[in-house]
Protein backbone atom coordinates (compact mmCIF):
# COMPACT_ATOMS: atom_id res chain seq x y z
CA MET A 1 -4.03 -16.35 7.98
CA ASN A 2 -6.73 -13.73 7.96
CA PRO A 3 -8.14 -13.39 4.44
CA ASN A 4 -8.61 -9.76 3.56
CA VAL A 5 -7.90 -7.22 0.87
CA PHE A 6 -6.89 -3.59 1.23
CA LEU A 7 -8.19 -1.15 -1.39
CA ILE A 8 -5.67 1.69 -1.52
CA ARG A 9 -5.61 5.06 -3.21
CA HIS A 10 -2.21 6.27 -4.38
CA ALA A 11 -0.35 8.89 -2.33
CA THR A 12 -0.48 12.62 -3.20
CA PRO A 13 0.57 13.34 -6.78
CA ASP A 14 1.92 16.58 -8.20
CA TRP A 15 -1.36 18.23 -9.21
CA THR A 16 0.58 21.08 -10.87
CA ARG A 17 1.86 18.84 -13.69
CA SER A 18 -0.51 19.98 -16.43
CA ASP A 19 1.95 18.65 -19.02
CA LEU A 20 0.98 15.06 -18.14
CA VAL A 21 -2.35 13.39 -18.89
CA TYR A 22 -3.81 12.39 -15.53
CA HIS A 23 -5.48 9.12 -16.60
CA LEU A 24 -2.77 7.72 -18.92
CA PRO A 25 0.77 6.49 -18.15
CA PRO A 26 2.92 7.91 -16.83
CA GLY A 27 0.59 10.44 -15.18
CA PRO A 28 1.92 12.83 -12.55
CA PRO A 29 4.56 11.67 -10.05
CA LEU A 30 4.26 11.85 -6.28
CA THR A 31 5.14 14.97 -4.35
CA GLU A 32 7.52 14.80 -1.39
CA GLN A 33 4.44 14.69 0.85
CA GLY A 34 3.17 11.78 -1.26
CA ARG A 35 6.42 9.89 -0.74
CA GLN A 36 6.08 10.37 3.03
CA GLU A 37 2.46 9.19 2.86
CA ALA A 38 3.60 6.08 0.97
CA GLN A 39 6.15 5.38 3.73
CA ALA A 40 3.44 5.68 6.39
CA LEU A 41 1.22 3.39 4.29
CA GLY A 42 4.06 0.86 4.04
CA ALA A 43 4.47 0.82 7.84
CA PHE A 44 0.72 0.27 8.21
CA LEU A 45 0.67 -2.57 5.66
CA LEU A 46 3.66 -4.19 7.36
CA SER A 47 1.78 -4.08 10.68
CA GLN A 48 -1.19 -5.78 8.96
CA GLY A 49 0.92 -8.61 7.53
CA VAL A 50 0.34 -7.75 3.86
CA ARG A 51 2.16 -10.28 1.70
CA GLN A 52 1.35 -9.07 -1.82
CA LEU A 53 0.87 -5.71 -3.53
CA ARG A 54 -0.62 -5.04 -6.94
CA SER A 55 -0.56 -1.64 -8.58
CA SER A 56 -2.10 0.46 -11.33
CA PRO A 57 0.41 1.24 -14.10
CA LEU A 58 0.32 5.00 -13.44
CA GLU A 59 3.44 6.49 -11.85
CA ARG A 60 1.70 7.79 -8.73
CA CYS A 61 0.52 4.23 -7.93
CA LEU A 62 3.77 2.57 -8.99
CA THR A 63 5.80 4.78 -6.67
CA THR A 64 3.31 4.34 -3.81
CA ALA A 65 3.47 0.55 -4.26
CA GLU A 66 7.25 0.49 -4.59
CA ILE A 67 7.82 2.48 -1.39
CA ALA A 68 5.23 0.49 0.58
CA ALA A 69 6.55 -2.86 -0.71
CA GLN A 70 10.12 -1.93 0.24
CA ILE A 71 9.01 -1.23 3.80
CA CYS A 72 7.05 -4.51 3.89
CA GLY A 73 9.96 -6.44 2.37
CA ILE A 74 7.74 -7.91 -0.34
CA ALA A 75 7.54 -7.95 -4.11
CA TRP A 76 4.83 -6.11 -6.02
CA GLN A 77 3.41 -6.32 -9.49
CA VAL A 78 1.57 -4.16 -11.99
CA ASP A 79 -1.98 -4.96 -13.01
CA ASP A 80 -3.34 -2.81 -15.85
CA SER A 81 -6.94 -3.39 -14.73
CA LEU A 82 -6.26 -1.16 -11.69
CA ILE A 83 -5.67 1.92 -13.89
CA GLU A 84 -7.55 5.18 -13.27
CA MET A 85 -11.05 5.50 -14.66
CA GLN A 86 -10.90 6.48 -18.31
CA PRO A 87 -12.98 9.08 -20.15
CA GLY A 88 -16.44 7.66 -20.73
CA GLU A 89 -16.20 5.08 -17.95
CA THR A 90 -18.78 5.24 -15.18
CA THR A 91 -18.77 3.70 -11.74
CA GLU A 92 -20.94 0.88 -13.10
CA SER A 93 -18.95 0.33 -16.32
CA VAL A 94 -15.55 0.13 -14.57
CA VAL A 95 -16.58 -2.74 -12.27
CA PRO A 96 -16.20 -5.48 -14.95
CA ARG A 97 -12.48 -4.70 -15.31
CA LEU A 98 -11.92 -4.34 -11.55
CA TRP A 99 -13.97 -7.21 -10.16
CA PRO A 100 -11.79 -10.06 -11.53
CA ILE A 101 -8.62 -8.65 -9.91
CA PHE A 102 -10.49 -8.15 -6.64
CA GLU A 103 -11.87 -11.71 -6.72
CA GLN A 104 -8.41 -13.10 -7.51
CA ALA A 105 -6.88 -11.12 -4.64
CA TRP A 106 -9.65 -12.31 -2.31
CA ARG A 107 -9.06 -15.97 -3.22
CA GLU A 108 -5.30 -15.64 -2.90
CA SER A 109 -5.60 -13.90 0.47
CA HIS A 110 -7.01 -17.16 1.86
CA GLN A 111 -3.71 -18.90 1.10
CA HIS A 112 -1.14 -16.13 1.35
CA GLY A 113 -2.58 -13.61 3.79
CA PRO A 114 -3.59 -9.98 3.23
CA ILE A 115 -3.23 -8.46 -0.24
CA ALA A 116 -3.19 -4.76 -1.15
CA LEU A 117 -4.48 -3.26 -4.40
CA VAL A 118 -3.00 0.18 -5.09
CA THR A 119 -5.29 2.07 -7.44
CA HIS A 120 -7.21 5.37 -7.64
CA GLY A 121 -10.19 6.98 -5.93
CA GLY A 122 -12.64 6.21 -8.76
CA PRO A 123 -11.87 2.49 -8.88
CA VAL A 124 -11.96 2.25 -5.07
CA ASN A 125 -15.34 3.99 -5.14
CA ALA A 126 -16.65 1.51 -7.74
CA LEU A 127 -15.43 -1.52 -5.77
CA LEU A 128 -16.87 -0.23 -2.50
CA GLN A 129 -20.25 0.21 -4.16
CA LYS A 130 -20.07 -3.30 -5.65
CA LEU A 131 -19.13 -4.67 -2.22
CA GLY A 132 -22.23 -3.08 -0.71
CA LEU A 133 -21.10 0.12 1.01
CA ASP A 134 -24.29 2.07 1.60
CA ALA A 135 -24.81 5.43 -0.10
CA GLU A 136 -24.96 7.41 3.15
CA THR A 137 -21.61 6.08 4.40
CA MET A 138 -20.07 6.63 0.96
CA ALA A 139 -21.34 10.24 0.89
CA GLN A 140 -19.91 10.90 4.38
CA HIS A 141 -16.47 9.72 3.27
CA LYS A 142 -16.56 11.58 -0.05
CA ALA A 143 -17.38 14.80 1.80
CA GLN A 144 -14.18 14.45 3.88
CA PHE A 145 -11.58 13.95 1.15
CA ASP A 146 -10.22 15.75 -1.88
CA HIS A 147 -11.85 15.42 -5.30
CA ALA A 148 -14.87 13.64 -3.70
CA ASN A 149 -12.86 10.47 -3.20
CA PRO A 150 -13.99 7.94 -0.56
CA LEU A 151 -10.50 7.94 0.99
CA PRO A 152 -7.51 10.27 1.30
CA PRO A 153 -4.26 9.92 -0.64
CA ALA A 154 -2.49 6.76 0.63
CA GLY A 155 -5.66 5.76 2.47
CA ALA A 156 -6.75 2.13 2.70
CA TRP A 157 -10.13 0.44 3.01
CA LEU A 158 -10.11 -3.01 4.58
CA VAL A 159 -12.39 -5.63 3.01
CA GLU A 160 -13.14 -8.79 5.01
CA ARG A 161 -15.90 -11.31 5.55
CA GLY A 162 -16.45 -14.35 7.72
CA ASN A 163 -17.69 -16.77 5.07
CA GLU A 164 -19.26 -16.81 1.60
CA LYS A 165 -22.75 -16.19 3.00
CA ASP A 166 -21.77 -13.18 5.12
CA SER A 167 -21.93 -9.66 3.77
CA TRP A 168 -18.65 -7.86 3.16
CA GLN A 169 -17.26 -5.94 6.13
CA LEU A 170 -15.82 -2.63 4.97
CA ARG A 171 -13.99 0.02 6.94
CA LEU A 172 -11.58 2.81 6.29
CA ALA A 173 -8.59 1.25 8.03
CA PHE A 174 -5.82 3.75 7.35
CA LYS A 175 -5.45 7.49 6.82
CA PRO A 176 -1.96 8.97 6.88
CA GLU A 177 -1.49 11.59 9.56
CA SER A 178 -1.18 15.15 8.32
CA LEU A 179 2.34 15.48 7.06
CA SER A 180 4.05 18.81 6.79
CA VAL A 181 6.80 18.93 4.22
CA SER A 182 9.29 21.73 4.21
CA ALA A 183 10.12 23.11 0.79
């Protein structure tokens, strides 16, 4: 089994839902486009042999994980540490809550195969920085995607490495194709 972890941003939420707090449960739900993105993500994760999914407790992540897990035919679980960045948190201050779940997923991927963590752009950004993604590459990705995120909705970064002494290998492994949704 190839040990690796996918860092995934939730699919497109309903940005018009100003009645819901964005960073607290439940948060906004997915749009129809978001549901289609989650299906495409699920097909990608199935092709990569993902055996476990963990999700932030916010609805946009829960629905993304549920749809993807159904397609993969696997169970998924909620991990509160994957929640969106909270007011007052910085990229540096969020790492202590994210790093233990990443390390656990990395260890478990050695035994069970690829694992996917469904979270938010801010937490993915923080983990990529901790894993050593250089500032220039990060800036190039942030310039491409909405809200200065390092990946699109339902996008996935692949994290791998040969052995403990090697540096982390990071690459944007999945971007859903442009999906047009009729109203």
